[in-house]
PDB file of N, CA and C in Angstrom:
ATOM      1  N   MET A   1     -12.995  27.504 -59.277  1.00  0.00           N
ATOM      2  CA  MET A   1     -13.916  27.979 -59.243  1.00  0.00           C
ATOM      3  C   MET A   1     -14.133  29.155 -59.503  1.00  0.00           C
ATOM      4  N   ASN A   2     -15.593  29.726 -59.322  1.00  0.00           N
ATOM      5  CA  ASN A   2     -16.092  30.669 -59.197  1.00  0.00           C
ATOM      6  C   ASN A   2     -16.394  31.653 -57.473  1.00  0.00           C
ATOM      7  N   ALA A   3     -16.220  32.935 -57.541  1.00  0.00           N
ATOM      8  CA  ALA A   3     -16.412  33.025 -55.899  1.00  0.00           C
ATOM      9  C   ALA A   3     -18.214  32.848 -55.394  1.00  0.00           C
ATOM     10  N   ASN A   4     -19.429  33.421 -57.144  1.00  0.00           N
ATOM     11  CA  ASN A   4     -20.232  32.875 -56.820  1.00  0.00           C
ATOM     12  C   ASN A   4     -20.959  31.745 -56.693  1.00  0.00           C
ATOM     13  N   GLU A   5     -19.993  30.210 -56.969  1.00  0.00           N
ATOM     14  CA  GLU A   5     -20.642  28.907 -56.814  1.00  0.00           C
ATOM     15  C   GLU A   5     -20.599  28.849 -55.558  1.00  0.00           C
ATOM     16  N   GLN A   6     -20.800  27.537 -55.281  1.00  0.00           N
ATOM     17  CA  GLN A   6     -21.563  26.778 -53.990  1.00  0.00           C
ATOM     18  C   GLN A   6     -21.422  25.540 -54.270  1.00  0.00           C
ATOM     19  N   ARG A   7     -20.746  24.874 -53.303  1.00  0.00           N
ATOM     20  CA  ARG A   7     -20.460  23.249 -53.245  1.00  0.00           C
ATOM     21  C   ARG A   7     -21.268  23.221 -53.699  1.00  0.00           C
ATOM     22  N   GLU A   8     -22.601  22.206 -53.662  1.00  0.00           N
ATOM     23  CA  GLU A   8     -23.379  21.453 -52.368  1.00  0.00           C
ATOM     24  C   GLU A   8     -22.087  20.475 -51.593  1.00  0.00           C
ATOM     25  N   PHE A   9     -23.202  20.168 -50.224  1.00  0.00           N
ATOM     26  CA  PHE A   9     -22.475  18.950 -49.256  1.00  0.00           C
ATOM     27  C   PHE A   9     -23.938  18.334 -49.266  1.00  0.00           C
ATOM     28  N   GLY A  10     -23.516  16.939 -48.198  1.00  0.00           N
ATOM     29  CA  GLY A  10     -24.421  16.725 -47.145  1.00  0.00           C
ATOM     30  C   GLY A  10     -23.868  15.633 -46.305  1.00  0.00           C
ATOM     31  N   PRO A  11     -24.591  15.198 -45.396  1.00  0.00           N
ATOM     32  CA  PRO A  11     -24.451  14.829 -44.256  1.00  0.00           C
ATOM     33  C   PRO A  11     -23.320  13.189 -44.582  1.00  0.00           C
ATOM     34  N   PHE A  12     -21.729  13.339 -43.783  1.00  0.00           N
ATOM     35  CA  PHE A  12     -21.239  13.169 -43.699  1.00  0.00           C
ATOM     36  C   PHE A  12     -21.300  11.589 -43.888  1.00  0.00           C
ATOM     37  N   ILE A  13     -21.728  10.376 -42.849  1.00  0.00           N
ATOM     38  CA  ILE A  13     -22.199   9.526 -43.198  1.00  0.00           C
ATOM     39  C   ILE A  13     -23.381   8.831 -43.863  1.00  0.00           C
ATOM     40  N   PRO A  14     -24.013   9.348 -43.843  1.00  0.00           N
ATOM     41  CA  PRO A  14     -25.328   8.602 -44.951  1.00  0.00           C
ATOM     42  C   PRO A  14     -24.781   8.534 -46.186  1.00  0.00           C
ATOM     43  N   GLU A  15     -24.429  10.022 -46.540  1.00  0.00           N
ATOM     44  CA  GLU A  15     -24.170  10.216 -47.994  1.00  0.00           C
ATOM     45  C   GLU A  15     -22.317   9.430 -48.375  1.00  0.00           C
ATOM     46  N   CYS A  16     -22.605   9.229 -47.742  1.00  0.00           N
ATOM     47  CA  CYS A  16     -21.218   8.217 -48.082  1.00  0.00           C
ATOM     48  C   CYS A  16     -21.129   6.323 -48.206  1.00  0.00           C
ATOM     49  N   THR A  17     -22.202   6.002 -46.984  1.00  0.00           N
ATOM     50  CA  THR A  17     -23.481   4.812 -47.414  1.00  0.00           C
ATOM     51  C   THR A  17     -23.764   4.619 -48.456  1.00  0.00           C
ATOM     52  N   LYS A  18     -24.208   5.469 -49.095  1.00  0.00           N
ATOM     53  CA  LYS A  18     -25.367   5.840 -50.340  1.00  0.00           C
ATOM     54  C   LYS A  18     -24.838   4.666 -50.720  1.00  0.00           C
ATOM     55  N   ARG A  19     -23.394   5.102 -51.370  1.00  0.00           N
ATOM     56  CA  ARG A  19     -21.991   5.254 -52.104  1.00  0.00           C
ATOM     57  C   ARG A  19     -21.627   3.900 -52.225  1.00  0.00           C
ATOM     58  N   GLY A  20     -21.487   2.793 -50.925  1.00  0.00           N
ATOM     59  CA  GLY A  20     -21.024   1.972 -50.889  1.00  0.00           C
ATOM     60  C   GLY A  20     -19.855   2.308 -50.235  1.00  0.00           C
ATOM     61  N   ILE A  21     -19.488   2.950 -49.675  1.00  0.00           N
ATOM     62  CA  ILE A  21     -18.456   3.547 -48.345  1.00  0.00           C
ATOM     63  C   ILE A  21     -19.280   3.297 -47.011  1.00  0.00           C
ATOM     64  N   GLY A  22     -18.324   2.228 -46.082  1.00  0.00           N
ATOM     65  CA  GLY A  22     -18.547   2.779 -44.991  1.00  0.00           C
ATOM     66  C   GLY A  22     -17.660   3.258 -44.178  1.00  0.00           C
ATOM     67  N   LYS A  23     -19.067   2.880 -42.669  1.00  0.00           N
ATOM     68  CA  LYS A  23     -18.250   4.036 -41.709  1.00  0.00           C
ATOM     69  C   LYS A  23     -16.295   4.676 -41.739  1.00  0.00           C
ATOM     70  N   THR A  24     -16.385   3.250 -41.175  1.00  0.00           N
ATOM     71  CA  THR A  24     -14.582   3.154 -41.446  1.00  0.00           C
ATOM     72  C   THR A  24     -13.946   3.809 -42.444  1.00  0.00           C
ATOM     73  N   ARG A  25     -14.444   3.076 -43.898  1.00  0.00           N
ATOM     74  CA  ARG A  25     -13.638   3.590 -44.722  1.00  0.00           C
ATOM     75  C   ARG A  25     -14.102   5.107 -45.368  1.00  0.00           C
ATOM     76  N   ALA A  26     -14.630   5.833 -45.040  1.00  0.00           N
ATOM     77  CA  ALA A  26     -14.838   6.912 -44.894  1.00  0.00           C
ATOM     78  C   ALA A  26     -14.521   7.786 -44.033  1.00  0.00           C
ATOM     79  N   TYR A  27     -13.724   7.406 -43.259  1.00  0.00           N
ATOM     80  CA  TYR A  27     -13.380   7.826 -41.930  1.00  0.00           C
ATOM     81  C   TYR A  27     -11.844   8.341 -42.963  1.00  0.00           C
ATOM     82  N   GLU A  28     -11.403   6.555 -43.233  1.00  0.00           N
ATOM     83  CA  GLU A  28     -10.316   7.462 -43.274  1.00  0.00           C
ATOM     84  C   GLU A  28      -9.515   7.841 -44.946  1.00  0.00           C
ATOM     85  N   LEU A  29     -10.878   7.864 -45.502  1.00  0.00           N
ATOM     86  CA  LEU A  29     -10.106   8.416 -46.381  1.00  0.00           C
ATOM     87  C   LEU A  29     -10.426   9.958 -46.381  1.00  0.00           C
ATOM     88  N   ALA A  30     -11.457   9.785 -45.940  1.00  0.00           N
ATOM     89  CA  ALA A  30     -10.895  11.278 -44.715  1.00  0.00           C
ATOM     90  C   ALA A  30     -10.178  12.366 -44.709  1.00  0.00           C
ATOM     91  N   HIS A  31      -9.742  11.431 -44.036  1.00  0.00           N
ATOM     92  CA  HIS A  31      -8.490  12.261 -43.064  1.00  0.00           C
ATOM     93  C   HIS A  31      -6.699  11.531 -44.243  1.00  0.00           C
ATOM     94  N   ALA A  32      -7.572  10.805 -45.261  1.00  0.00           N
ATOM     95  CA  ALA A  32      -5.880  10.663 -46.119  1.00  0.00           C
ATOM     96  C   ALA A  32      -6.339  12.157 -46.795  1.00  0.00           C
ATOM     97  N   GLY A  33      -7.761  12.891 -47.282  1.00  0.00           N
ATOM     98  CA  GLY A  33      -7.305  14.266 -48.158  1.00  0.00           C
ATOM     99  C   GLY A  33      -8.078  13.408 -49.278  1.00  0.00           C
ATOM    100  N   LEU A  34      -8.577  12.526 -49.013  1.00  0.00           N
ATOM    101  CA  LEU A  34      -9.294  12.440 -49.921  1.00  0.00           C
ATOM    102  C   LEU A  34     -10.744  12.310 -51.062  1.00  0.00           C
ATOM    103  N   LEU A  35     -11.909  12.436 -49.717  1.00  0.00           N
ATOM    104  CA  LEU A  35     -12.339  13.203 -49.678  1.00  0.00           C
ATOM    105  C   LEU A  35     -12.671  14.370 -49.123  1.00  0.00           C
ATOM    106  N   GLU A  36     -13.496  15.181 -49.345  1.00  0.00           N
ATOM    107  CA  GLU A  36     -13.370  17.122 -48.535  1.00  0.00           C
ATOM    108  C   GLU A  36     -14.346  16.766 -47.634  1.00  0.00           C
ATOM    109  N   THR A  37     -14.044  16.800 -46.410  1.00  0.00           N
ATOM    110  CA  THR A  37     -15.451  17.471 -45.363  1.00  0.00           C
ATOM    111  C   THR A  37     -15.696  18.660 -44.956  1.00  0.00           C
ATOM    112  N   VAL A  38     -16.295  19.491 -44.495  1.00  0.00           N
ATOM    113  CA  VAL A  38     -16.474  20.558 -43.524  1.00  0.00           C
ATOM    114  C   VAL A  38     -16.801  20.345 -41.643  1.00  0.00           C
ATOM    115  N   THR A  39     -16.999  20.731 -40.947  1.00  0.00           N
ATOM    116  CA  THR A  39     -17.898  20.709 -39.575  1.00  0.00           C
ATOM    117  C   THR A  39     -18.920  21.978 -39.656  1.00  0.00           C
ATOM    118  N   ILE A  40     -19.531  21.083 -39.285  1.00  0.00           N
ATOM    119  CA  ILE A  40     -20.327  22.359 -38.806  1.00  0.00           C
ATOM    120  C   ILE A  40     -21.846  22.614 -37.747  1.00  0.00           C
ATOM    121  N   GLY A  41     -20.843  23.167 -36.603  1.00  0.00           N
ATOM    122  CA  GLY A  41     -21.135  23.151 -35.506  1.00  0.00           C
ATOM    123  C   GLY A  41     -20.268  22.136 -35.169  1.00  0.00           C
ATOM    124  N   SER A  42     -21.189  20.705 -34.261  1.00  0.00           N
ATOM    125  CA  SER A  42     -21.023  18.458 -33.868  1.00  0.00           C
ATOM    126  C   SER A  42     -20.653  18.323 -35.263  1.00  0.00           C
ATOM    127  N   LYS A  43     -21.938  18.680 -36.742  1.00  0.00           N
ATOM    128  CA  LYS A  43     -21.873  17.709 -37.260  1.00  0.00           C
ATOM    129  C   LYS A  43     -20.839  17.564 -38.559  1.00  0.00           C
ATOM    130  N   ARG A  44     -20.460  16.982 -38.840  1.00  0.00           N
ATOM    131  CA  ARG A  44     -19.386  16.000 -40.488  1.00  0.00           C
ATOM    132  C   ARG A  44     -20.335  16.492 -41.809  1.00  0.00           C
ATOM    133  N   TYR A  45     -19.659  17.011 -42.682  1.00  0.00           N
ATOM    134  CA  TYR A  45     -20.444  17.280 -43.872  1.00  0.00           C
ATOM    135  C   TYR A  45     -19.175  16.786 -45.210  1.00  0.00           C
ATOM    136  N   VAL A  46     -19.522  16.889 -46.373  1.00  0.00           N
ATOM    137  CA  VAL A  46     -18.621  16.126 -47.013  1.00  0.00           C
ATOM    138  C   VAL A  46     -19.619  16.944 -48.171  1.00  0.00           C
ATOM    139  N   TYR A  47     -18.526  17.221 -48.714  1.00  0.00           N
ATOM    140  CA  TYR A  47     -18.862  18.294 -50.759  1.00  0.00           C
ATOM    141  C   TYR A  47     -18.949  16.938 -51.543  1.00  0.00           C
ATOM    142  N   LEU A  48     -20.160  17.124 -51.879  1.00  0.00           N
ATOM    143  CA  LEU A  48     -20.799  15.933 -52.754  1.00  0.00           C
ATOM    144  C   LEU A  48     -19.750  15.693 -54.350  1.00  0.00           C
ATOM    145  N   ASP A  49     -18.889  16.667 -54.815  1.00  0.00           N
ATOM    146  CA  ASP A  49     -18.620  16.526 -56.479  1.00  0.00           C
ATOM    147  C   ASP A  49     -17.195  15.499 -55.187  1.00  0.00           C
ATOM    148  N   SER A  50     -16.827  16.097 -54.757  1.00  0.00           N
ATOM    149  CA  SER A  50     -15.538  14.531 -53.544  1.00  0.00           C
ATOM    150  C   SER A  50     -15.952  13.944 -54.192  1.00  0.00           C
ATOM    151  N   LEU A  51     -16.737  12.863 -53.835  1.00  0.00           N
ATOM    152  CA  LEU A  51     -17.300  11.513 -53.154  1.00  0.00           C
ATOM    153  C   LEU A  51     -17.799  11.306 -55.705  1.00  0.00           C
ATOM    154  N   LEU A  52     -17.763  11.860 -55.941  1.00  0.00           N
ATOM    155  CA  LEU A  52     -18.189  11.351 -57.243  1.00  0.00           C
ATOM    156  C   LEU A  52     -17.200  12.300 -58.095  1.00  0.00           C
ATOM    157  N   THR A  53     -16.402  11.982 -57.182  1.00  0.00           N
ATOM    158  CA  THR A  53     -14.560  12.642 -58.480  1.00  0.00           C
ATOM    159  C   THR A  53     -13.382  11.515 -57.373  1.00  0.00           C
ATOM    160  N   LEU A  54     -14.617  10.618 -56.256  1.00  0.00           N
ATOM    161  CA  LEU A  54     -12.978   9.731 -55.576  1.00  0.00           C
ATOM    162  C   LEU A  54     -12.733   8.723 -56.426  1.00  0.00           C
ATOM    163  N   PRO A  55     -13.636   7.618 -57.491  1.00  0.00           N
ATOM    164  CA  PRO A  55     -12.810   7.356 -57.940  1.00  0.00           C
ATOM    165  C   PRO A  55     -11.821   6.483 -59.139  1.00  0.00           C
ATOM    166  N   GLN A  56     -11.947   8.384 -59.214  1.00  0.00           N
ATOM    167  CA  GLN A  56     -10.515   9.009 -60.626  1.00  0.00           C
ATOM    168  C   GLN A  56      -9.689   9.114 -59.157  1.00  0.00           C
ATOM    169  N   ARG A  57      -9.113   9.745 -58.279  1.00  0.00           N
ATOM    170  CA  ARG A  57      -9.037   9.503 -57.380  1.00  0.00           C
ATOM    171  C   ARG A  57      -7.904   8.997 -57.432  1.00  0.00           C
ATOM    172  N   LEU A  58      -8.979   7.922 -56.498  1.00  0.00           N
ATOM    173  CA  LEU A  58      -8.173   6.597 -55.889  1.00  0.00           C
ATOM    174  C   LEU A  58      -7.780   5.787 -56.789  1.00  0.00           C
ATOM    175  N   SER A  59      -8.085   6.264 -58.122  1.00  0.00           N
ATOM    176  CA  SER A  59      -7.327   5.239 -59.345  1.00  0.00           C
ATOM    177  C   SER A  59      -5.513   6.430 -59.550  1.00  0.00           C
ATOM    178  N   ALA A  60      -5.896   7.216 -59.760  1.00  0.00           N
ATOM    179  CA  ALA A  60      -4.659   8.414 -59.589  1.00  0.00           C
ATOM    180  C   ALA A  60      -3.608   8.046 -59.082  1.00  0.00           C
ATOM    181  N   ALA A  61      -3.782   8.222 -56.858  1.00  0.00           N
ATOM    182  CA  ALA A  61      -3.212   7.746 -56.209  1.00  0.00           C
ATOM    183  C   ALA A  61      -2.642   6.473 -56.461  1.00  0.00           C
ATOM    184  N   GLN A  62      -3.380   4.963 -56.201  1.00  0.00           N
ATOM    185  CA  GLN A  62      -3.063   3.902 -56.755  1.00  0.00           C
ATOM    186  C   GLN A  62      -2.213   3.810 -57.589  1.00  0.00           C
ATOM    187  N   ALA A  63      -1.150   4.507 -59.018  1.00  0.00           N
ATOM    188  CA  ALA A  63      -0.580   5.171 -59.838  1.00  0.00           C
ATOM    189  C   ALA A  63       0.376   4.857 -59.597  1.00  0.00           C
ATOM    190  N   LYS A  64       0.592   5.795 -58.858  1.00  0.00           N
ATOM    191  CA  LYS A  64       1.493   6.924 -58.544  1.00  0.00           C
ATOM    192  C   LYS A  64       2.337   6.478 -56.998  1.00  0.00           C
ATOM    193  N   ALA A  65       1.613   4.938 -56.674  1.00  0.00           N
ATOM    194  CA  ALA A  65       2.474   4.673 -54.981  1.00  0.00           C
ATOM    195  C   ALA A  65       2.672   3.150 -56.135  1.00  0.00           C
ATOM    196  N   ALA A  66       1.609   2.627 -56.894  1.00  0.00           N
ATOM    197  CA  ALA A  66       2.651   1.835 -57.878  1.00  0.00           C
ATOM    198  C   ALA A  66       4.275   2.591 -58.660  1.00  0.00           C
ATOM    199  N   ALA A  67       4.026   3.318 -59.429  1.00  0.00           N
ATOM    200  CA  ALA A  67       5.091   3.849 -59.828  1.00  0.00           C
ATOM    201  C   ALA A  67       6.786   4.161 -59.053  1.00  0.00           C
TER     202      ALA A  67
END
């Protein structure tokens, strides 16, 4: 990523639920490192590109685990 580029982010749970990911599963994915989040003050946000590429990363993780 270029130093001048800024990644877009949104509120963690609302952005996840928009995409069909429940609260518990969202925190599990974040804890596993599959969703990139950032905390600003007491609020947690998710990088939107992390949400958009989640299906590919989950597929890769499952394929790696099966091998």
